[in-house]
Protein backbone atom coordinates (compact mmCIF):
# COMPACT_ATOMS: atom_id res chain seq x y z
CA ASN A 1 -0.09 0.14 -0.03
CA ILE A 2 2.68 2.38 1.34
CA MET A 3 4.57 1.81 -2.44
CA GLN A 4 1.49 2.28 -4.14
CA GLU A 5 0.53 4.97 -2.69
CA VAL A 6 4.14 6.80 -3.47
CA LEU A 7 4.41 5.60 -6.60
CA GLU A 8 0.94 6.27 -8.42
CA ALA A 9 1.13 9.96 -7.61
CA ASP A 10 3.66 10.12 -10.67
CA HIS A 11 3.55 7.26 -12.69
CA SER A 12 1.16 4.72 -14.56
CA LEU A 13 1.87 1.55 -13.16
CA PHE A 14 0.54 -1.94 -12.14
CA ILE A 15 1.73 -3.94 -8.90
CA SER A 16 1.39 -7.38 -8.02
CA ARG A 17 2.20 -9.50 -5.22
CA TYR A 18 4.11 -12.56 -6.17
CA SER A 19 5.13 -13.89 -2.97
CA HIS A 20 5.26 -12.72 0.99
CA LYS A 21 8.39 -10.97 0.61
CA GLU A 22 8.35 -9.67 -3.55
CA ILE A 23 5.75 -7.54 -5.18
CA VAL A 24 6.39 -6.70 -9.17
CA ILE A 25 5.38 -3.27 -10.26
CA LEU A 26 5.12 -2.67 -13.99
CA PHE A 27 5.86 0.72 -15.29
CA CYS A 28 3.83 2.13 -18.57
CA SER A 29 5.72 4.65 -20.39
CA ASP A 30 6.12 5.71 -23.83
CA GLN A 31 9.26 7.14 -23.66
CA PRO A 32 11.26 4.63 -21.01
CA SER A 33 14.70 6.59 -21.70
CA LYS A 34 13.42 9.87 -20.47
CA ASP A 35 11.23 8.39 -17.63
CA HIS A 36 14.15 6.06 -16.42
CA GLN A 37 15.79 8.87 -13.54
CA ALA A 38 12.23 9.44 -12.80
CA ILE A 39 11.26 6.34 -11.92
CA TYR A 40 14.63 5.53 -10.48
CA HIS A 41 14.08 8.54 -8.35
CA SER A 42 10.14 7.40 -6.94
CA ILE A 43 11.09 3.84 -6.06
CA GLN A 44 13.79 5.72 -3.86
CA ASN A 45 11.49 7.82 -1.73
CA ALA A 46 8.90 4.73 -2.02
CA ALA A 47 11.40 2.33 -0.23
CA SER A 48 12.97 5.39 2.00
CA ALA A 49 8.77 5.55 2.78
CA VAL A 50 8.80 2.09 3.80
CA GLN A 51 11.53 2.07 5.93
CA LYS A 52 10.19 4.88 7.66
CA TYR A 53 7.49 3.61 8.53
CA LEU A 54 7.36 -0.10 8.73
CA LYS A 55 11.04 -0.43 9.26
CA LEU A 56 11.73 -3.13 6.45
CA SER A 57 14.57 -3.06 4.53
CA VAL A 58 13.50 -2.81 0.48
CA SER A 59 15.92 -4.35 -2.18
CA CYS A 60 14.51 -2.99 -5.95
CA LEU A 61 15.77 -4.64 -8.86
CA PHE A 62 15.39 -3.22 -12.63
CA GLY A 63 14.13 -5.63 -15.17
CA ALA A 64 14.68 -4.94 -19.02
CA GLU A 65 12.49 -2.66 -21.34
CA ALA A 66 9.47 -4.95 -22.46
CA ARG A 67 7.06 -4.62 -25.37
CA SER A 68 5.17 -7.30 -25.71
CA PRO A 69 3.20 -9.86 -23.35
CA GLU A 70 6.12 -12.31 -24.19
CA GLU A 71 8.39 -10.44 -23.07
CA ILE A 72 7.46 -9.08 -20.15
CA ARG A 73 6.80 -12.85 -19.41
CA GLY A 74 10.30 -13.81 -20.32
CA THR A 75 11.86 -10.92 -18.11
CA LEU A 76 9.66 -11.11 -15.35
CA GLN A 77 10.75 -15.61 -15.21
CA ARG A 78 14.33 -14.43 -15.13
CA MET A 79 13.87 -12.22 -12.14
CA LEU A 80 11.69 -14.17 -9.79
CA LYS A 81 12.44 -17.98 -10.58
CA GLU A 82 16.22 -17.15 -10.15
CA LYS A 83 16.66 -15.93 -6.43
CA ILE A 84 20.68 -17.09 -7.02
CA GLN A 85 20.91 -14.59 -9.57
CA ARG A 86 20.50 -11.91 -6.43
CA PHE A 87 22.61 -13.30 -3.60
CA TYR A 88 25.84 -11.29 -4.56
CA LEU A 89 23.40 -7.83 -4.24
CA PRO A 90 24.02 -5.98 -1.75
CA ALA A 91 20.77 -5.55 0.51
CA ALA A 92 18.24 -2.62 0.73
CA GLY A 93 19.21 -0.89 -2.52
CA ILE A 94 18.44 -0.38 -6.28
CA HIS A 95 20.13 -2.60 -8.86
CA ARG A 96 19.44 -3.38 -12.53
CA PHE A 97 18.84 -6.59 -12.48
CA GLU A 98 21.74 -8.66 -14.88
CA GLU A 99 22.27 -13.04 -14.96
CA VAL A 100 25.48 -13.98 -13.15
CA CYS A 101 27.94 -16.36 -14.95
CA PHE A 102 29.00 -18.06 -11.54
CA SER A 103 32.69 -19.61 -11.29
CA GLY A 104 33.99 -23.27 -12.19
CA GLU A 105 36.77 -23.17 -9.35
CA ASP A 106 36.77 -25.59 -6.18
CA ILE A 107 35.51 -23.14 -3.24
CA TYR A 108 36.63 -26.02 -0.80
CA ALA A 109 40.34 -24.81 -2.07
CA GLU A 110 40.81 -22.42 1.34
CA TYR A 111 38.32 -24.70 3.38
CA GLY A 112 41.42 -26.21 5.27
CA THR A 113 42.34 -22.17 6.26
CA LEU A 114 39.29 -21.31 6.61
CA TYR A 115 38.12 -23.59 9.62
CA ALA A 116 42.24 -23.09 10.93
CA VAL A 117 41.26 -19.56 11.72
CA ILE A 118 37.60 -19.97 12.59
CA ASN A 119 38.25 -22.25 15.05
CA ASP A 120 41.13 -20.62 17.10
CA ASP A 121 39.40 -17.86 17.18
CA ILE A 122 36.42 -19.57 18.45
CA ALA A 123 38.02 -21.37 20.77
CA LEU A 124 40.37 -18.26 22.08
CA ASN A 125 36.88 -16.05 22.09
CA ARG A 126 38.27 -13.65 19.77
CA ASN A 127 35.34 -11.70 18.54
CA THR A 128 37.38 -8.85 16.26
CA GLU A 129 39.11 -10.94 14.80
CA LEU A 130 36.19 -13.66 13.95
CA ARG A 131 34.54 -10.53 12.29
CA VAL A 132 37.76 -10.26 10.20
CA HIS A 133 37.89 -13.30 9.09
CA VAL A 134 34.47 -13.90 8.03
CA LYS A 135 34.76 -10.51 6.35
CA GLU A 136 37.12 -11.42 4.48
CA TRP A 137 36.43 -15.24 3.27
CA ARG A 138 32.79 -13.07 2.16
CA GLU A 139 34.84 -10.68 -0.10
CA TRP A 140 36.60 -13.38 -1.32
CA VAL A 141 34.15 -15.57 -2.00
CA ALA A 142 32.02 -12.53 -3.61
CA SER A 143 35.28 -11.57 -5.96
CA GLN A 144 35.03 -15.36 -7.38
CA LYS A 145 31.02 -15.30 -7.51
CA PHE A 146 30.62 -19.04 -6.60
CA HIS A 147 27.34 -20.68 -6.71
CA PRO A 148 25.45 -19.60 -3.68
CA ASN A 149 24.53 -23.23 -3.07
CA GLU A 150 27.94 -24.43 -3.11
CA VAL A 151 28.62 -20.92 -0.65
CA LYS A 152 26.12 -22.44 1.72
CA GLU A 153 27.25 -25.75 1.35
CA CYS A 154 30.48 -24.78 2.79
CA VAL A 155 29.03 -22.85 5.46
CA LEU A 156 27.10 -25.60 6.51
CA ARG A 157 30.04 -27.92 6.35
CA LEU A 158 32.01 -25.62 8.46
CA LEU A 159 28.72 -24.95 11.27
CA MET A 160 28.95 -28.72 11.52
CA ASP A 161 32.57 -29.09 11.89
CA LEU A 162 32.75 -26.91 14.66
CA GLN A 163 29.49 -28.14 16.15
CA MET A 164 30.88 -31.50 16.40
CA LYS A 165 34.25 -30.41 18.05
CA THR A 166 31.57 -28.18 20.74
CA LYS A 167 29.38 -30.97 21.53
CA GLN A 168 33.10 -33.19 22.42
CA LEU A 169 33.90 -30.65 24.10
CA LEU A 170 31.09 -29.56 26.38
CA GLN A 171 29.61 -33.07 26.28
CA SER A 172 26.16 -31.70 25.67
CA PRO A 173 24.12 -31.98 22.57
CA LEU A 174 24.59 -29.35 19.15
CA PRO A 175 23.98 -25.95 20.13
CA ILE A 176 21.69 -26.24 16.81
CA THR A 177 20.59 -29.71 15.27
CA GLU A 178 21.68 -30.35 11.67
CA GLU A 179 17.96 -29.95 10.32
CA LYS A 180 17.72 -26.87 12.09
CA LEU A 181 20.62 -25.67 10.54
CA PHE A 182 19.98 -27.17 6.98
CA SER A 183 16.68 -25.23 7.10
CA VAL A 184 18.55 -21.21 8.15
CA VAL A 185 20.36 -21.25 5.82
CA GLY A 186 19.11 -22.10 3.12
CA ASP A 187 16.77 -19.38 3.23
CA ILE A 188 19.34 -17.16 3.84
CA GLU A 189 18.63 -15.20 0.26
CA THR A 190 21.85 -13.22 0.48
CA LEU A 191 25.99 -13.44 0.57
CA GLU A 192 25.30 -9.91 2.91
CA HIS A 193 23.17 -11.70 5.12
CA LEU A 194 24.58 -14.94 5.35
CA GLU A 195 27.98 -12.96 6.44
CA GLN A 196 25.71 -11.53 8.85
CA TRP A 197 24.12 -14.63 10.54
CA LEU A 198 27.20 -16.38 10.21
CA VAL A 199 29.21 -13.57 12.79
CA GLN A 200 26.22 -14.42 15.49
CA TYR A 201 25.79 -17.98 14.77
CA LEU A 202 29.96 -18.54 15.26
CA GLU A 203 29.87 -15.42 18.52
CA GLU A 204 27.55 -17.79 20.06
CA LEU A 205 29.38 -20.54 19.75
CA ALA A 206 32.38 -19.21 21.28
CA ARG A 207 30.90 -17.84 23.81
CA LYS A 208 29.36 -21.27 25.00
CA ILE A 209 33.35 -22.58 24.32
CA SER A 210 34.63 -19.31 26.66
CA MET A 211 31.99 -20.60 29.32
CA PHE A 212 33.57 -24.15 29.30
CA SER A 213 37.30 -22.80 29.37
CA ILE A 214 36.85 -20.34 32.19
CA LYS A 215 34.30 -22.17 34.31
CA SER A 216 36.95 -21.83 36.82
CA LYS A 217 37.46 -18.28 38.70
CA ARG A 218 41.15 -18.88 39.14
CA SER A 219 42.84 -17.00 36.70
CA GLU A 220 45.71 -19.50 36.66
CA VAL A 221 43.86 -22.36 35.30
CA ILE A 222 41.68 -19.85 32.97
CA LYS A 223 45.18 -18.75 31.47
CA ALA A 224 46.42 -22.45 31.64
CA GLN A 225 43.32 -23.47 29.66
CA GLN A 226 43.83 -20.81 26.73
CA PHE A 227 47.64 -21.41 26.51
CA VAL A 228 46.56 -24.76 25.85
CA ILE A 229 44.09 -24.01 23.71
CA SER A 230 46.46 -21.85 21.29
CA HIS A 231 49.11 -24.05 21.88
CA VAL A 232 47.81 -27.35 21.43
CA THR A 233 50.42 -28.19 18.29
CA GLU A 234 52.92 -28.00 21.00
CA LYS A 235 54.18 -30.59 24.06
CA ILE A 236 53.03 -28.77 27.00
CA THR A 237 54.08 -30.78 29.99
CA LEU A 238 52.32 -29.71 33.83
CA GLU A 239 55.84 -29.02 35.22
CA ASP A 240 56.34 -26.28 31.99
CA MET A 241 52.71 -25.04 32.64
CA ALA A 242 53.50 -24.55 36.04
CA GLY A 243 56.55 -23.11 35.49
CA ARG A 244 54.74 -20.36 33.45
CA LEU A 245 52.16 -19.57 36.24
CA ASN A 246 55.23 -19.12 38.60
CA LEU A 247 53.24 -22.14 40.17
CA ASN A 248 54.88 -25.64 41.86
CA ALA A 249 53.60 -28.39 40.16
CA SER A 250 52.10 -30.62 42.99
CA TYR A 251 50.34 -27.10 43.56
CA PHE A 252 49.38 -26.34 39.99
CA SER A 253 48.24 -29.73 39.53
CA ARG A 254 46.04 -29.99 42.41
CA LEU A 255 44.59 -26.96 41.62
CA PHE A 256 43.71 -27.72 38.16
CA LYS A 257 42.04 -30.76 39.15
CA ARG A 258 40.30 -29.41 42.18
CA GLU A 259 38.75 -26.11 39.60
CA THR A 260 38.31 -28.67 36.57
CA ASN A 261 37.63 -32.14 37.90
CA GLN A 262 40.24 -33.30 35.01
CA ASN A 263 43.90 -33.86 35.23
CA PHE A 264 45.70 -31.58 33.71
CA ILE A 265 47.31 -33.74 30.96
CA GLU A 266 43.74 -35.66 30.74
CA TYR A 267 42.57 -32.02 29.43
CA VAL A 268 45.62 -31.24 27.45
CA ASN A 269 45.53 -34.94 25.88
CA MET A 270 41.87 -34.06 24.93
CA LEU A 271 42.21 -31.18 23.46
CA LYS A 272 45.13 -33.03 21.35
CA LEU A 273 43.02 -35.72 19.92
CA GLN A 274 40.67 -33.67 18.91
CA LYS A 275 43.14 -31.78 17.17
CA ALA A 276 44.10 -34.82 15.83
CA LYS A 277 40.42 -35.91 14.34
CA GLU A 278 40.41 -32.57 12.55
CA LEU A 279 43.71 -33.04 10.65
CA LEU A 280 42.49 -37.11 10.01
CA ASN A 281 39.20 -35.65 8.68
CA GLN A 282 40.79 -32.58 6.62
CA SER A 283 44.41 -33.22 5.90
CA GLU A 284 46.84 -35.24 3.72
CA LYS A 285 48.86 -36.40 7.18
CA THR A 286 49.53 -39.37 8.04
CA VAL A 287 49.51 -41.04 11.28
CA GLU A 288 52.99 -40.37 12.27
CA GLU A 289 53.07 -36.71 10.71
CA ILE A 290 50.45 -35.70 13.11
CA SER A 291 51.45 -37.32 16.26
CA GLU A 292 54.74 -35.29 15.40
CA TYR A 293 52.79 -32.22 14.59
CA LEU A 294 51.08 -32.24 18.36
CA GLY A 295 53.49 -32.74 19.79
CA TYR A 296 53.96 -36.83 20.46
CA ALA A 297 57.91 -38.02 20.68
CA ASN A 298 55.72 -41.62 21.20
CA LYS A 299 53.75 -42.27 18.11
CA SER A 300 52.49 -45.86 19.64
CA TYR A 301 51.60 -43.34 23.00
CA PHE A 302 49.34 -41.31 20.61
CA ILE A 303 48.39 -44.20 18.84
CA LYS A 304 47.42 -45.69 22.46
CA LEU A 305 45.69 -42.42 23.59
CA PHE A 306 43.91 -42.05 20.52
CA LYS A 307 42.34 -46.40 21.02
CA ARG A 308 41.41 -45.38 24.23
CA GLU A 309 39.56 -42.45 23.35
CA MET A 310 37.67 -43.81 20.00
CA GLY A 311 38.01 -46.98 20.56
CA MET A 312 40.17 -47.33 17.66
CA ARG A 313 43.09 -46.71 16.18
CA PRO A 314 43.38 -43.21 14.09
CA SER A 315 44.44 -44.86 10.55
CA GLU A 316 41.00 -46.92 11.30
CA TYR A 317 39.36 -43.59 11.93
CA ALA A 318 40.26 -41.87 9.02
CA ALA A 319 39.37 -44.95 6.87
CA TRP A 320 36.53 -44.67 8.54
CA HIS A 321 35.20 -41.07 7.89
């Protein structure tokens, strides 16, 4: 109604509702090139009025001129049937509709790097860095123009990988079910909205993990947990950690156990084995390379720990996944 009231004052037009989110406006003009600027200005005013009175942002697409019912039908079909063509357009703007040629490159080529930096940001609750890394990934995706379905599938894989880690870390149900994730991500229509939603979701995930890491009120325990999370690929001993905190090793061991109900070395091994599972899933590293990468001097000891935790050897886990 608002759009019609603003636009009908200056133009001959026909407005039709297409869906609960979309309307179609047909402008009648004998001189399209002359009237184009006036129509554009009127649409800006109408979108501003909707924003003012309903607090809703409106994105507008200009189609091509059409001189027959067949041309009108063809233009509308291209604009309305293919929502994916609007995926890369900024929200709340007025754009000329152009069909996009999507990239055939592999969007997963940078997945390992993306997962690693996002995982670290979440583990250390670094929201500023998290937003920067998501923004950089979004800019890369936009520059490559991957098919929207591929972008959403990549995001879903990232979220499911992170959620499984969170489930194991917190020993609690997944924050959002897989079915719900598919539904929510599938309904997102623009890359801009996807970035905003993804940041919000990941920040909430980081908050949950930070609650796990900082459930102790003792700063020494918090610092120890944060150090292990950010240095999980290094060799970490109880004595070295106690030295970093200027504490007696026996006292630190008792303190950590009392505050977390878990031995310090058990905590270190838990995070290292989680990292090992990620590497077995997402890299081509051998079991020996992973053992060495995670700071285990003895490969047999690493395999023994892994089998005790997972019920299978690392090589069997890699083959199973």
